[in-house]
Amino acid sequence: MQNQKQQQGKKGESIAVEQLKKNGYKILERNYRTKIGEIDIIARDGDVIVFIEVKARQTNSYGNPKYAVTWTKQKKIARTAQMYLKSTNQLDKRARFDVVAIHRKEDRQLIEIIQNAFDLTGMS
């Protein structure tokens, strides 16, 4: 059984998937897990493989969720992405990291796709 935070996370990911599809992304995987970490969504945008972190918040008490993808989280996602590319024999493919931020503003739900939110530069 999932707790409330997990249920909210799953709902946020479903909303993100629908928005990504509307924007032309082809969803390849959801909740890709390795011993290093997890990637919420892996998709293709044209010829680019996109690793997507979803951040959803019900209130703005802690600010915009797009700022919640910390340097530590970025490194974990990047290492997990490298494992995915290696295991699927796609190390030669172009890749990028996007963030989907979902939050409320007044009575509306805002969905923001931040392309190239971070990169692998300097990560090892």
PDB file of N, CA and C in Angstrom:
ATOM      1  N   MET A   1       0.842  -1.180   0.000  1.00  0.00           N
ATOM      2  CA  MET A   1       0.000   0.000   0.000  1.00  0.00           C
ATOM      3  C   MET A   1       0.894   1.253   0.000  1.00  0.00           C
ATOM      4  N   GLN A   2       0.530   2.214  -0.811  1.00  0.00           N
ATOM      5  CA  GLN A   2       1.313   3.433  -0.939  1.00  0.00           C
ATOM      6  C   GLN A   2       0.863   4.484   0.070  1.00  0.00           C
ATOM      7  N   ASN A   3       1.844   5.238   0.591  1.00  0.00           N
ATOM      8  CA  ASN A   3       1.475   6.333   1.471  1.00  0.00           C
ATOM      9  C   ASN A   3       1.032   7.533   0.627  1.00  0.00           C
ATOM     10  N   GLN A   4       0.596   8.590   1.289  1.00  0.00           N
ATOM     11  CA  GLN A   4       0.048   9.750   0.576  1.00  0.00           C
ATOM     12  C   GLN A   4       1.090  10.400  -0.342  1.00  0.00           C
ATOM     13  N   LYS A   5       2.324  10.494   0.124  1.00  0.00           N
ATOM     14  CA  LYS A   5       3.393  11.102  -0.677  1.00  0.00           C
ATOM     15  C   LYS A   5       3.653  10.272  -1.946  1.00  0.00           C
ATOM     16  N   GLN A   6       3.668   8.947  -1.819  1.00  0.00           N
ATOM     17  CA  GLN A   6       3.868   8.070  -2.978  1.00  0.00           C
ATOM     18  C   GLN A   6       2.704   8.199  -3.954  1.00  0.00           C
ATOM     19  N   GLN A   7       1.487   8.276  -3.431  1.00  0.00           N
ATOM     20  CA  GLN A   7       0.321   8.434  -4.294  1.00  0.00           C
ATOM     21  C   GLN A   7       0.383   9.757  -5.040  1.00  0.00           C
ATOM     22  N   GLN A   8       0.785  10.817  -4.348  1.00  0.00           N
ATOM     23  CA  GLN A   8       0.925  12.123  -4.987  1.00  0.00           C
ATOM     24  C   GLN A   8       1.999  12.071  -6.070  1.00  0.00           C
ATOM     25  N   GLY A   9       3.099  11.365  -5.786  1.00  0.00           N
ATOM     26  CA  GLY A   9       4.175  11.218  -6.763  1.00  0.00           C
ATOM     27  C   GLY A   9       3.711  10.496  -8.020  1.00  0.00           C
ATOM     28  N   LYS A  10       2.975   9.416  -7.844  1.00  0.00           N
ATOM     29  CA  LYS A  10       2.445   8.660  -8.988  1.00  0.00           C
ATOM     30  C   LYS A  10       1.482   9.512  -9.806  1.00  0.00           C
ATOM     31  N   LYS A  11       0.640  10.275  -9.116  1.00  0.00           N
ATOM     32  CA  LYS A  11      -0.314  11.150  -9.811  1.00  0.00           C
ATOM     33  C   LYS A  11       0.448  12.209 -10.606  1.00  0.00           C
ATOM     34  N   GLY A  12       1.475  12.794  -9.988  1.00  0.00           N
ATOM     35  CA  GLY A  12       2.298  13.784 -10.675  1.00  0.00           C
ATOM     36  C   GLY A  12       2.969  13.203 -11.910  1.00  0.00           C
ATOM     37  N   GLU A  13       3.482  11.989 -11.793  1.00  0.00           N
ATOM     38  CA  GLU A  13       4.128  11.338 -12.938  1.00  0.00           C
ATOM     39  C   GLU A  13       3.127  11.085 -14.062  1.00  0.00           C
ATOM     40  N   SER A  14       1.911  10.687 -13.721  1.00  0.00           N
ATOM     41  CA  SER A  14       0.885  10.458 -14.743  1.00  0.00           C
ATOM     42  C   SER A  14       0.526  11.757 -15.462  1.00  0.00           C
ATOM     43  N   ILE A  15       0.413  12.841 -14.699  1.00  0.00           N
ATOM     44  CA  ILE A  15       0.133  14.147 -15.300  1.00  0.00           C
ATOM     45  C   ILE A  15       1.287  14.539 -16.222  1.00  0.00           C
ATOM     46  N   ALA A  16       2.517  14.305 -15.758  1.00  0.00           N
ATOM     47  CA  ALA A  16       3.700  14.638 -16.562  1.00  0.00           C
ATOM     48  C   ALA A  16       3.720  13.842 -17.861  1.00  0.00           C
ATOM     49  N   VAL A  17       3.418  12.542 -17.789  1.00  0.00           N
ATOM     50  CA  VAL A  17       3.411  11.693 -18.988  1.00  0.00           C
ATOM     51  C   VAL A  17       2.427  12.235 -20.017  1.00  0.00           C
ATOM     52  N   GLU A  18       1.228  12.595 -19.571  1.00  0.00           N
ATOM     53  CA  GLU A  18       0.224  13.122 -20.505  1.00  0.00           C
ATOM     54  C   GLU A  18       0.702  14.419 -21.162  1.00  0.00           C
ATOM     55  N   GLN A  19       1.303  15.305 -20.369  1.00  0.00           N
ATOM     56  CA  GLN A  19       1.797  16.573 -20.909  1.00  0.00           C
ATOM     57  C   GLN A  19       2.962  16.337 -21.876  1.00  0.00           C
ATOM     58  N   LEU A  20       3.850  15.428 -21.521  1.00  0.00           N
ATOM     59  CA  LEU A  20       4.985  15.118 -22.394  1.00  0.00           C
ATOM     60  C   LEU A  20       4.501  14.561 -23.735  1.00  0.00           C
ATOM     61  N   LYS A  21       3.520  13.666 -23.684  1.00  0.00           N
ATOM     62  CA  LYS A  21       2.956  13.107 -24.922  1.00  0.00           C
ATOM     63  C   LYS A  21       2.357  14.212 -25.789  1.00  0.00           C
ATOM     64  N   LYS A  22       1.649  15.152 -25.163  1.00  0.00           N
ATOM     65  CA  LYS A  22       1.063  16.277 -25.905  1.00  0.00           C
ATOM     66  C   LYS A  22       2.146  17.115 -26.576  1.00  0.00           C
ATOM     67  N   ASN A  23       3.347  17.108 -25.982  1.00  0.00           N
ATOM     68  CA  ASN A  23       4.470  17.871 -26.520  1.00  0.00           C
ATOM     69  C   ASN A  23       5.347  17.034 -27.459  1.00  0.00           C
ATOM     70  N   GLY A  24       4.875  15.851 -27.833  1.00  0.00           N
ATOM     71  CA  GLY A  24       5.573  15.052 -28.829  1.00  0.00           C
ATOM     72  C   GLY A  24       6.601  14.065 -28.310  1.00  0.00           C
ATOM     73  N   TYR A  25       6.726  13.935 -27.000  1.00  0.00           N
ATOM     74  CA  TYR A  25       7.662  12.956 -26.447  1.00  0.00           C
ATOM     75  C   TYR A  25       7.076  11.556 -26.604  1.00  0.00           C
ATOM     76  N   LYS A  26       7.936  10.572 -26.834  1.00  0.00           N
ATOM     77  CA  LYS A  26       7.517   9.173 -26.845  1.00  0.00           C
ATOM     78  C   LYS A  26       8.051   8.540 -25.564  1.00  0.00           C
ATOM     79  N   ILE A  27       7.152   8.054 -24.723  1.00  0.00           N
ATOM     80  CA  ILE A  27       7.546   7.493 -23.437  1.00  0.00           C
ATOM     81  C   ILE A  27       8.136   6.097 -23.655  1.00  0.00           C
ATOM     82  N   LEU A  28       9.351   5.887 -23.132  1.00  0.00           N
ATOM     83  CA  LEU A  28      10.036   4.600 -23.257  1.00  0.00           C
ATOM     84  C   LEU A  28       9.950   3.778 -21.973  1.00  0.00           C
ATOM     85  N   GLU A  29      10.113   4.440 -20.822  1.00  0.00           N
ATOM     86  CA  GLU A  29      10.106   3.754 -19.526  1.00  0.00           C
ATOM     87  C   GLU A  29       9.549   4.690 -18.462  1.00  0.00           C
ATOM     88  N   ARG A  30       8.977   4.074 -17.442  1.00  0.00           N
ATOM     89  CA  ARG A  30       8.577   4.821 -16.239  1.00  0.00           C
ATOM     90  C   ARG A  30       9.200   4.133 -15.044  1.00  0.00           C
ATOM     91  N   ASN A  31       9.668   4.926 -14.095  1.00  0.00           N
ATOM     92  CA  ASN A  31      10.250   4.414 -12.859  1.00  0.00           C
ATOM     93  C   ASN A  31      11.369   3.400 -13.107  1.00  0.00           C
ATOM     94  N   TYR A  32      12.328   3.794 -13.927  1.00  0.00           N
ATOM     95  CA  TYR A  32      13.500   2.956 -14.204  1.00  0.00           C
ATOM     96  C   TYR A  32      14.385   2.952 -12.959  1.00  0.00           C
ATOM     97  N   ARG A  33      14.629   1.760 -12.411  1.00  0.00           N
ATOM     98  CA  ARG A  33      15.384   1.641 -11.165  1.00  0.00           C
ATOM     99  C   ARG A  33      16.655   0.819 -11.363  1.00  0.00           C
ATOM    100  N   THR A  34      17.711   1.269 -10.674  1.00  0.00           N
ATOM    101  CA  THR A  34      18.950   0.506 -10.586  1.00  0.00           C
ATOM    102  C   THR A  34      19.391   0.566  -9.128  1.00  0.00           C
ATOM    103  N   LYS A  35      20.507  -0.093  -8.832  1.00  0.00           N
ATOM    104  CA  LYS A  35      21.028  -0.030  -7.460  1.00  0.00           C
ATOM    105  C   LYS A  35      21.497   1.382  -7.108  1.00  0.00           C
ATOM    106  N   ILE A  36      21.762   2.206  -8.106  1.00  0.00           N
ATOM    107  CA  ILE A  36      22.238   3.574  -7.883  1.00  0.00           C
ATOM    108  C   ILE A  36      21.084   4.541  -7.629  1.00  0.00           C
ATOM    109  N   GLY A  37      19.998   4.395  -8.389  1.00  0.00           N
ATOM    110  CA  GLY A  37      18.903   5.337  -8.245  1.00  0.00           C
ATOM    111  C   GLY A  37      17.752   5.039  -9.183  1.00  0.00           C
ATOM    112  N   GLU A  38      16.874   6.021  -9.310  1.00  0.00           N
ATOM    113  CA  GLU A  38      15.668   5.875 -10.125  1.00  0.00           C
ATOM    114  C   GLU A  38      15.506   7.093 -11.026  1.00  0.00           C
ATOM    115  N   ILE A  39      14.970   6.838 -12.207  1.00  0.00           N
ATOM    116  CA  ILE A  39      14.588   7.919 -13.110  1.00  0.00           C
ATOM    117  C   ILE A  39      13.085   7.798 -13.306  1.00  0.00           C
ATOM    118  N   ASP A  40      12.376   8.907 -13.090  1.00  0.00           N
ATOM    119  CA  ASP A  40      10.916   8.875 -13.147  1.00  0.00           C
ATOM    120  C   ASP A  40      10.412   8.478 -14.528  1.00  0.00           C
ATOM    121  N   ILE A  41      10.930   9.144 -15.563  1.00  0.00           N
ATOM    122  CA  ILE A  41      10.462   8.890 -16.928  1.00  0.00           C
ATOM    123  C   ILE A  41      11.658   8.941 -17.883  1.00  0.00           C
ATOM    124  N   ILE A  42      11.705   7.981 -18.790  1.00  0.00           N
ATOM    125  CA  ILE A  42      12.675   8.021 -19.883  1.00  0.00           C
ATOM    126  C   ILE A  42      11.849   8.109 -21.158  1.00  0.00           C
ATOM    127  N   ALA A  43      12.192   9.073 -22.004  1.00  0.00           N
ATOM    128  CA  ALA A  43      11.411   9.311 -23.218  1.00  0.00           C
ATOM    129  C   ALA A  43      12.341   9.614 -24.379  1.00  0.00           C
ATOM    130  N   ARG A  44      11.742   9.687 -25.545  1.00  0.00           N
ATOM    131  CA  ARG A  44      12.462  10.110 -26.745  1.00  0.00           C
ATOM    132  C   ARG A  44      11.784  11.377 -27.249  1.00  0.00           C
ATOM    133  N   ASP A  45      12.603  12.380 -27.535  1.00  0.00           N
ATOM    134  CA  ASP A  45      12.128  13.631 -28.126  1.00  0.00           C
ATOM    135  C   ASP A  45      12.907  13.794 -29.420  1.00  0.00           C
ATOM    136  N   GLY A  46      12.271  13.401 -30.530  1.00  0.00           N
ATOM    137  CA  GLY A  46      12.998  13.350 -31.802  1.00  0.00           C
ATOM    138  C   GLY A  46      14.042  12.257 -31.709  1.00  0.00           C
ATOM    139  N   ASP A  47      15.309  12.598 -31.937  1.00  0.00           N
ATOM    140  CA  ASP A  47      16.372  11.594 -31.865  1.00  0.00           C
ATOM    141  C   ASP A  47      17.156  11.668 -30.551  1.00  0.00           C
ATOM    142  N   VAL A  48      16.606  12.365 -29.560  1.00  0.00           N
ATOM    143  CA  VAL A  48      17.277  12.550 -28.274  1.00  0.00           C
ATOM    144  C   VAL A  48      16.587  11.701 -27.204  1.00  0.00           C
ATOM    145  N   ILE A  49      17.375  10.990 -26.417  1.00  0.00           N
ATOM    146  CA  ILE A  49      16.834  10.268 -25.269  1.00  0.00           C
ATOM    147  C   ILE A  49      16.794  11.255 -24.115  1.00  0.00           C
ATOM    148  N   VAL A  50      15.635  11.341 -23.464  1.00  0.00           N
ATOM    149  CA  VAL A  50      15.439  12.335 -22.412  1.00  0.00           C
ATOM    150  C   VAL A  50      15.149  11.623 -21.089  1.00  0.00           C
ATOM    151  N   PHE A  51      15.933  11.989 -20.076  1.00  0.00           N
ATOM    152  CA  PHE A  51      15.754  11.469 -18.728  1.00  0.00           C
ATOM    153  C   PHE A  51      15.047  12.563 -17.938  1.00  0.00           C
ATOM    154  N   ILE A  52      13.886  12.219 -17.389  1.00  0.00           N
ATOM    155  CA  ILE A  52      12.995  13.238 -16.827  1.00  0.00           C
ATOM    156  C   ILE A  52      12.731  12.990 -15.348  1.00  0.00           C
ATOM    157  N   GLU A  53      12.959  14.027 -14.560  1.00  0.00           N
ATOM    158  CA  GLU A  53      12.618  14.023 -13.140  1.00  0.00           C
ATOM    159  C   GLU A  53      11.336  14.827 -12.972  1.00  0.00           C
ATOM    160  N   VAL A  54      10.375  14.265 -12.248  1.00  0.00           N
ATOM    161  CA  VAL A  54       9.095  14.937 -12.018  1.00  0.00           C
ATOM    162  C   VAL A  54       9.060  15.418 -10.572  1.00  0.00           C
ATOM    163  N   LYS A  55       8.712  16.681 -10.397  1.00  0.00           N
ATOM    164  CA  LYS A  55       8.546  17.252  -9.065  1.00  0.00           C
ATOM    165  C   LYS A  55       7.170  17.893  -9.008  1.00  0.00           C
ATOM    166  N   ALA A  56       6.345  17.429  -8.065  1.00  0.00           N
ATOM    167  CA  ALA A  56       4.981  17.948  -7.920  1.00  0.00           C
ATOM    168  C   ALA A  56       4.765  18.412  -6.489  1.00  0.00           C
ATOM    169  N   ARG A  57       4.084  19.543  -6.366  1.00  0.00           N
ATOM    170  CA  ARG A  57       3.747  20.075  -5.043  1.00  0.00           C
ATOM    171  C   ARG A  57       2.313  20.576  -5.058  1.00  0.00           C
ATOM    172  N   GLN A  58       1.648  20.385  -3.938  1.00  0.00           N
ATOM    173  CA  GLN A  58       0.266  20.835  -3.810  1.00  0.00           C
ATOM    174  C   GLN A  58       0.176  22.303  -3.416  1.00  0.00           C
ATOM    175  N   THR A  59       1.234  22.801  -2.771  1.00  0.00           N
ATOM    176  CA  THR A  59       1.249  24.207  -2.370  1.00  0.00           C
ATOM    177  C   THR A  59       2.587  24.819  -2.771  1.00  0.00           C
ATOM    178  N   ASN A  60       2.655  26.127  -2.710  1.00  0.00           N
ATOM    179  CA  ASN A  60       3.899  26.829  -3.021  1.00  0.00           C
ATOM    180  C   ASN A  60       4.676  27.184  -1.752  1.00  0.00           C
ATOM    181  N   SER A  61       4.329  26.565  -0.635  1.00  0.00           N
ATOM    182  CA  SER A  61       4.975  26.861   0.645  1.00  0.00           C
ATOM    183  C   SER A  61       6.497  26.711   0.578  1.00  0.00           C
ATOM    184  N   TYR A  62       6.960  25.739  -0.193  1.00  0.00           N
ATOM    185  CA  TYR A  62       8.395  25.481  -0.300  1.00  0.00           C
ATOM    186  C   TYR A  62       8.967  26.000  -1.611  1.00  0.00           C
ATOM    187  N   GLY A  63       8.219  26.823  -2.318  1.00  0.00           N
ATOM    188  CA  GLY A  63       8.692  27.389  -3.575  1.00  0.00           C
ATOM    189  C   GLY A  63       8.381  26.496  -4.764  1.00  0.00           C
ATOM    190  N   ASN A  64       8.857  26.922  -5.913  1.00  0.00           N
ATOM    191  CA  ASN A  64       8.623  26.189  -7.154  1.00  0.00           C
ATOM    192  C   ASN A  64       9.334  24.837  -7.096  1.00  0.00           C
ATOM    193  N   PRO A  65       8.642  23.761  -7.433  1.00  0.00           N
ATOM    194  CA  PRO A  65       9.251  22.432  -7.334  1.00  0.00           C
ATOM    195  C   PRO A  65      10.444  22.223  -8.267  1.00  0.00           C
ATOM    196  N   LYS A  66      10.556  23.022  -9.318  1.00  0.00           N
ATOM    197  CA  LYS A  66      11.685  22.823 -10.246  1.00  0.00           C
ATOM    198  C   LYS A  66      13.027  23.040  -9.557  1.00  0.00           C
ATOM    199  N   TYR A  67      13.023  23.781  -8.445  1.00  0.00           N
ATOM    200  CA  TYR A  67      14.266  24.027  -7.727  1.00  0.00           C
ATOM    201  C   TYR A  67      14.608  22.916  -6.735  1.00  0.00           C
ATOM    202  N   ALA A  68      13.785  21.889  -6.674  1.00  0.00           N
ATOM    203  CA  ALA A  68      13.997  20.800  -5.720  1.00  0.00           C
ATOM    204  C   ALA A  68      14.910  19.700  -6.264  1.00  0.00           C
ATOM    205  N   VAL A  69      15.377  19.834  -7.489  1.00  0.00           N
ATOM    206  CA  VAL A  69      16.288  18.835  -8.052  1.00  0.00           C
ATOM    207  C   VAL A  69      17.710  19.288  -7.702  1.00  0.00           C
ATOM    208  N   THR A  70      18.180  18.805  -6.574  1.00  0.00           N
ATOM    209  CA  THR A  70      19.473  19.226  -6.032  1.00  0.00           C
ATOM    210  C   THR A  70      20.636  18.657  -6.839  1.00  0.00           C
ATOM    211  N   TRP A  71      21.813  19.189  -6.563  1.00  0.00           N
ATOM    212  CA  TRP A  71      23.035  18.706  -7.210  1.00  0.00           C
ATOM    213  C   TRP A  71      23.216  17.208  -6.946  1.00  0.00           C
ATOM    214  N   THR A  72      22.970  16.775  -5.717  1.00  0.00           N
ATOM    215  CA  THR A  72      23.093  15.359  -5.369  1.00  0.00           C
ATOM    216  C   THR A  72      22.120  14.517  -6.190  1.00  0.00           C
ATOM    217  N   LYS A  73      20.886  14.983  -6.305  1.00  0.00           N
ATOM    218  CA  LYS A  73      19.875  14.264  -7.093  1.00  0.00           C
ATOM    219  C   LYS A  73      20.283  14.234  -8.565  1.00  0.00           C
ATOM    220  N   GLN A  74      20.805  15.339  -9.076  1.00  0.00           N
ATOM    221  CA  GLN A  74      21.252  15.393 -10.468  1.00  0.00           C
ATOM    222  C   GLN A  74      22.334  14.350 -10.732  1.00  0.00           C
ATOM    223  N   LYS A  75      23.292  14.230  -9.828  1.00  0.00           N
ATOM    224  CA  LYS A  75      24.375  13.249 -10.005  1.00  0.00           C
ATOM    225  C   LYS A  75      23.817  11.829 -10.019  1.00  0.00           C
ATOM    226  N   LYS A  76      22.866  11.558  -9.131  1.00  0.00           N
ATOM    227  CA  LYS A  76      22.247  10.232  -9.067  1.00  0.00           C
ATOM    228  C   LYS A  76      21.507   9.910 -10.373  1.00  0.00           C
ATOM    229  N   ILE A  77      20.755  10.890 -10.857  1.00  0.00           N
ATOM    230  CA  ILE A  77      20.013  10.704 -12.112  1.00  0.00           C
ATOM    231  C   ILE A  77      20.999  10.480 -13.258  1.00  0.00           C
ATOM    232  N   ALA A  78      22.060  11.262 -13.301  1.00  0.00           N
ATOM    233  CA  ALA A  78      23.047  11.142 -14.376  1.00  0.00           C
ATOM    234  C   ALA A  78      23.710   9.772 -14.374  1.00  0.00           C
ATOM    235  N   ARG A  79      24.077   9.290 -13.205  1.00  0.00           N
ATOM    236  CA  ARG A  79      24.711   7.958 -13.124  1.00  0.00           C
ATOM    237  C   ARG A  79      23.727   6.858 -13.525  1.00  0.00           C
ATOM    238  N   THR A  80      22.485   7.009 -13.115  1.00  0.00           N
ATOM    239  CA  THR A  80      21.459   6.031 -13.497  1.00  0.00           C
ATOM    240  C   THR A  80      21.223   6.079 -15.003  1.00  0.00           C
ATOM    241  N   ALA A  81      21.224   7.278 -15.566  1.00  0.00           N
ATOM    242  CA  ALA A  81      21.052   7.435 -17.011  1.00  0.00           C
ATOM    243  C   ALA A  81      22.187   6.757 -17.771  1.00  0.00           C
ATOM    244  N   GLN A  82      23.405   6.899 -17.276  1.00  0.00           N
ATOM    245  CA  GLN A  82      24.543   6.240 -17.922  1.00  0.00           C
ATOM    246  C   GLN A  82      24.374   4.727 -17.899  1.00  0.00           C
ATOM    247  N   MET A  83      23.865   4.197 -16.790  1.00  0.00           N
ATOM    248  CA  MET A  83      23.611   2.748 -16.710  1.00  0.00           C
ATOM    249  C   MET A  83      22.553   2.331 -17.735  1.00  0.00           C
ATOM    250  N   TYR A  84      21.510   3.141 -17.867  1.00  0.00           N
ATOM    251  CA  TYR A  84      20.465   2.840 -18.845  1.00  0.00           C
ATOM    252  C   TYR A  84      21.042   2.828 -20.259  1.00  0.00           C
ATOM    253  N   LEU A  85      21.795   3.858 -20.600  1.00  0.00           N
ATOM    254  CA  LEU A  85      22.368   3.944 -21.953  1.00  0.00           C
ATOM    255  C   LEU A  85      23.299   2.768 -22.227  1.00  0.00           C
ATOM    256  N   LYS A  86      24.088   2.391 -21.231  1.00  0.00           N
ATOM    257  CA  LYS A  86      25.000   1.261 -21.403  1.00  0.00           C
ATOM    258  C   LYS A  86      24.223  -0.048 -21.544  1.00  0.00           C
ATOM    259  N   SER A  87      23.236  -0.263 -20.675  1.00  0.00           N
ATOM    260  CA  SER A  87      22.494  -1.533 -20.692  1.00  0.00           C
ATOM    261  C   SER A  87      21.629  -1.693 -21.942  1.00  0.00           C
ATOM    262  N   THR A  88      21.272  -0.570 -22.580  1.00  0.00           N
ATOM    263  CA  THR A  88      20.456  -0.632 -23.799  1.00  0.00           C
ATOM    264  C   THR A  88      21.301  -0.393 -25.053  1.00  0.00           C
ATOM    265  N   ASN A  89      22.628  -0.403 -24.871  1.00  0.00           N
ATOM    266  CA  ASN A  89      23.572  -0.245 -25.984  1.00  0.00           C
ATOM    267  C   ASN A  89      23.307   1.040 -26.780  1.00  0.00           C
ATOM    268  N   GLN A  90      23.134   2.144 -26.052  1.00  0.00           N
ATOM    269  CA  GLN A  90      22.828   3.423 -26.701  1.00  0.00           C
ATOM    270  C   GLN A  90      23.781   4.537 -26.253  1.00  0.00           C
ATOM    271  N   LEU A  91      24.995   4.170 -25.866  1.00  0.00           N
ATOM    272  CA  LEU A  91      25.951   5.168 -25.399  1.00  0.00           C
ATOM    273  C   LEU A  91      26.286   6.209 -26.468  1.00  0.00           C
ATOM    274  N   ASP A  92      26.033   5.886 -27.729  1.00  0.00           N
ATOM    275  CA  ASP A  92      26.332   6.811 -28.820  1.00  0.00           C
ATOM    276  C   ASP A  92      25.184   7.795 -29.096  1.00  0.00           C
ATOM    277  N   LYS A  93      24.073   7.648 -28.401  1.00  0.00           N
ATOM    278  CA  LYS A  93      22.897   8.499 -28.629  1.00  0.00           C
ATOM    279  C   LYS A  93      23.018   9.821 -27.880  1.00  0.00           C
ATOM    280  N   ARG A  94      22.384  10.843 -28.437  1.00  0.00           N
ATOM    281  CA  ARG A  94      22.289  12.130 -27.745  1.00  0.00           C
ATOM    282  C   ARG A  94      21.290  11.990 -26.607  1.00  0.00           C
ATOM    283  N   ALA A  95      21.601  12.627 -25.496  1.00  0.00           N
ATOM    284  CA  ALA A  95      20.721  12.545 -24.330  1.00  0.00           C
ATOM    285  C   ALA A  95      20.682  13.905 -23.642  1.00  0.00           C
ATOM    286  N   ARG A  96      19.603  14.106 -22.893  1.00  0.00           N
ATOM    287  CA  ARG A  96      19.489  15.325 -22.093  1.00  0.00           C
ATOM    288  C   ARG A  96      18.646  15.032 -20.858  1.00  0.00           C
ATOM    289  N   PHE A  97      18.663  15.987 -19.928  1.00  0.00           N
ATOM    290  CA  PHE A  97      17.927  15.862 -18.674  1.00  0.00           C
ATOM    291  C   PHE A  97      16.904  16.978 -18.582  1.00  0.00           C
ATOM    292  N   ASP A  98      15.641  16.600 -18.458  1.00  0.00           N
ATOM    293  CA  ASP A  98      14.550  17.555 -18.311  1.00  0.00           C
ATOM    294  C   ASP A  98      13.937  17.398 -16.921  1.00  0.00           C
ATOM    295  N   VAL A  99      13.264  18.439 -16.482  1.00  0.00           N
ATOM    296  CA  VAL A  99      12.496  18.396 -15.236  1.00  0.00           C
ATOM    297  C   VAL A  99      11.077  18.835 -15.578  1.00  0.00           C
ATOM    298  N   VAL A 100      10.099  18.108 -15.057  1.00  0.00           N
ATOM    299  CA  VAL A 100       8.704  18.531 -15.159  1.00  0.00           C
ATOM    300  C   VAL A 100       8.282  18.967 -13.765  1.00  0.00           C
ATOM    301  N   ALA A 101       7.931  20.245 -13.651  1.00  0.00           N
ATOM    302  CA  ALA A 101       7.496  20.817 -12.377  1.00  0.00           C
ATOM    303  C   ALA A 101       5.982  21.018 -12.431  1.00  0.00           C
ATOM    304  N   ILE A 102       5.307  20.478 -11.444  1.00  0.00           N
ATOM    305  CA  ILE A 102       3.848  20.586 -11.367  1.00  0.00           C
ATOM    306  C   ILE A 102       3.511  21.240 -10.031  1.00  0.00           C
ATOM    307  N   HIS A 103       2.811  22.359 -10.108  1.00  0.00           N
ATOM    308  CA  HIS A 103       2.433  23.047  -8.873  1.00  0.00           C
ATOM    309  C   HIS A 103       1.164  23.852  -9.089  1.00  0.00           C
ATOM    310  N   ARG A 104       0.613  24.289  -7.988  1.00  0.00           N
ATOM    311  CA  ARG A 104      -0.623  25.069  -8.038  1.00  0.00           C
ATOM    312  C   ARG A 104      -0.290  26.545  -7.989  1.00  0.00           C
ATOM    313  N   LYS A 105      -1.011  27.304  -8.777  1.00  0.00           N
ATOM    314  CA  LYS A 105      -0.931  28.760  -8.720  1.00  0.00           C
ATOM    315  C   LYS A 105      -2.364  29.242  -8.700  1.00  0.00           C
ATOM    316  N   GLU A 106      -2.752  29.816  -7.575  1.00  0.00           N
ATOM    317  CA  GLU A 106      -4.136  30.192  -7.331  1.00  0.00           C
ATOM    318  C   GLU A 106      -4.989  28.937  -7.474  1.00  0.00           C
ATOM    319  N   ASP A 107      -5.951  28.919  -8.383  1.00  0.00           N
ATOM    320  CA  ASP A 107      -6.802  27.736  -8.527  1.00  0.00           C
ATOM    321  C   ASP A 107      -6.425  26.880  -9.732  1.00  0.00           C
ATOM    322  N   ARG A 108      -5.256  27.138 -10.285  1.00  0.00           N
ATOM    323  CA  ARG A 108      -4.842  26.403 -11.483  1.00  0.00           C
ATOM    324  C   ARG A 108      -3.643  25.509 -11.186  1.00  0.00           C
ATOM    325  N   GLN A 109      -3.545  24.453 -11.963  1.00  0.00           N
ATOM    326  CA  GLN A 109      -2.381  23.580 -11.894  1.00  0.00           C
ATOM    327  C   GLN A 109      -1.456  23.972 -13.037  1.00  0.00           C
ATOM    328  N   LEU A 110      -0.230  24.279 -12.714  1.00  0.00           N
ATOM    329  CA  LEU A 110       0.757  24.646 -13.728  1.00  0.00           C
ATOM    330  C   LEU A 110       1.701  23.480 -13.970  1.00  0.00           C
ATOM    331  N   ILE A 111       1.941  23.199 -15.238  1.00  0.00           N
ATOM    332  CA  ILE A 111       2.868  22.143 -15.616  1.00  0.00           C
ATOM    333  C   ILE A 111       3.947  22.790 -16.465  1.00  0.00           C
ATOM    334  N   GLU A 112       5.167  22.713 -15.988  1.00  0.00           N
ATOM    335  CA  GLU A 112       6.288  23.344 -16.672  1.00  0.00           C
ATOM    336  C   GLU A 112       7.316  22.274 -17.053  1.00  0.00           C
ATOM    337  N   ILE A 113       7.665  22.217 -18.331  1.00  0.00           N
ATOM    338  CA  ILE A 113       8.707  21.302 -18.799  1.00  0.00           C
ATOM    339  C   ILE A 113       9.975  22.126 -18.996  1.00  0.00           C
ATOM    340  N   ILE A 114      10.992  21.811 -18.223  1.00  0.00           N
ATOM    341  CA  ILE A 114      12.267  22.519 -18.328  1.00  0.00           C
ATOM    342  C   ILE A 114      13.235  21.606 -19.071  1.00  0.00           C
ATOM    343  N   GLN A 115      13.467  21.930 -20.336  1.00  0.00           N
ATOM    344  CA  GLN A 115      14.389  21.129 -21.140  1.00  0.00           C
ATOM    345  C   GLN A 115      15.823  21.497 -20.781  1.00  0.00           C
ATOM    346  N   ASN A 116      16.710  20.508 -20.855  1.00  0.00           N
ATOM    347  CA  ASN A 116      18.124  20.719 -20.525  1.00  0.00           C
ATOM    348  C   ASN A 116      18.275  21.356 -19.144  1.00  0.00           C
ATOM    349  N   ALA A 117      17.534  20.851 -18.182  1.00  0.00           N
ATOM    350  CA  ALA A 117      17.546  21.420 -16.831  1.00  0.00           C
ATOM    351  C   ALA A 117      18.940  21.330 -16.193  1.00  0.00           C
ATOM    352  N   PHE A 118      19.682  20.298 -16.552  1.00  0.00           N
ATOM    353  CA  PHE A 118      21.066  20.153 -16.104  1.00  0.00           C
ATOM    354  C   PHE A 118      21.765  19.224 -17.092  1.00  0.00           C
ATOM    355  N   ASP A 119      23.114  19.132 -16.963  1.00  0.00           N
ATOM    356  CA  ASP A 119      23.846  18.263 -17.883  1.00  0.00           C
ATOM    357  C   ASP A 119      24.905  17.466 -17.117  1.00  0.00           C
ATOM    358  N   LEU A 120      25.660  16.664 -17.854  1.00  0.00           N
ATOM    359  CA  LEU A 120      26.657  15.803 -17.260  1.00  0.00           C
ATOM    360  C   LEU A 120      27.995  16.497 -17.021  1.00  0.00           C
ATOM    361  N   THR A 121      28.145  17.730 -17.462  1.00  0.00           N
ATOM    362  CA  THR A 121      29.423  18.419 -17.358  1.00  0.00           C
ATOM    363  C   THR A 121      29.925  18.404 -15.914  1.00  0.00           C
ATOM    364  N   GLY A 122      31.121  17.929 -15.743  1.00  0.00           N
ATOM    365  CA  GLY A 122      31.741  17.922 -14.425  1.00  0.00           C
ATOM    366  C   GLY A 122      31.295  16.806 -13.520  1.00  0.00           C
ATOM    367  N   MET A 123      30.419  15.940 -13.978  1.00  0.00           N
ATOM    368  CA  MET A 123      29.973  14.831 -13.136  1.00  0.00           C
ATOM    369  C   MET A 123      30.819  13.605 -13.416  1.00  0.00           C
ATOM    370  N   SER A 124      31.203  12.952 -12.347  1.00  0.00           N
ATOM    371  CA  SER A 124      31.940  11.692 -12.534  1.00  0.00           C
ATOM    372  C   SER A 124      31.714  10.797 -11.339  1.00  0.00           C
TER     373      SER A 124
END
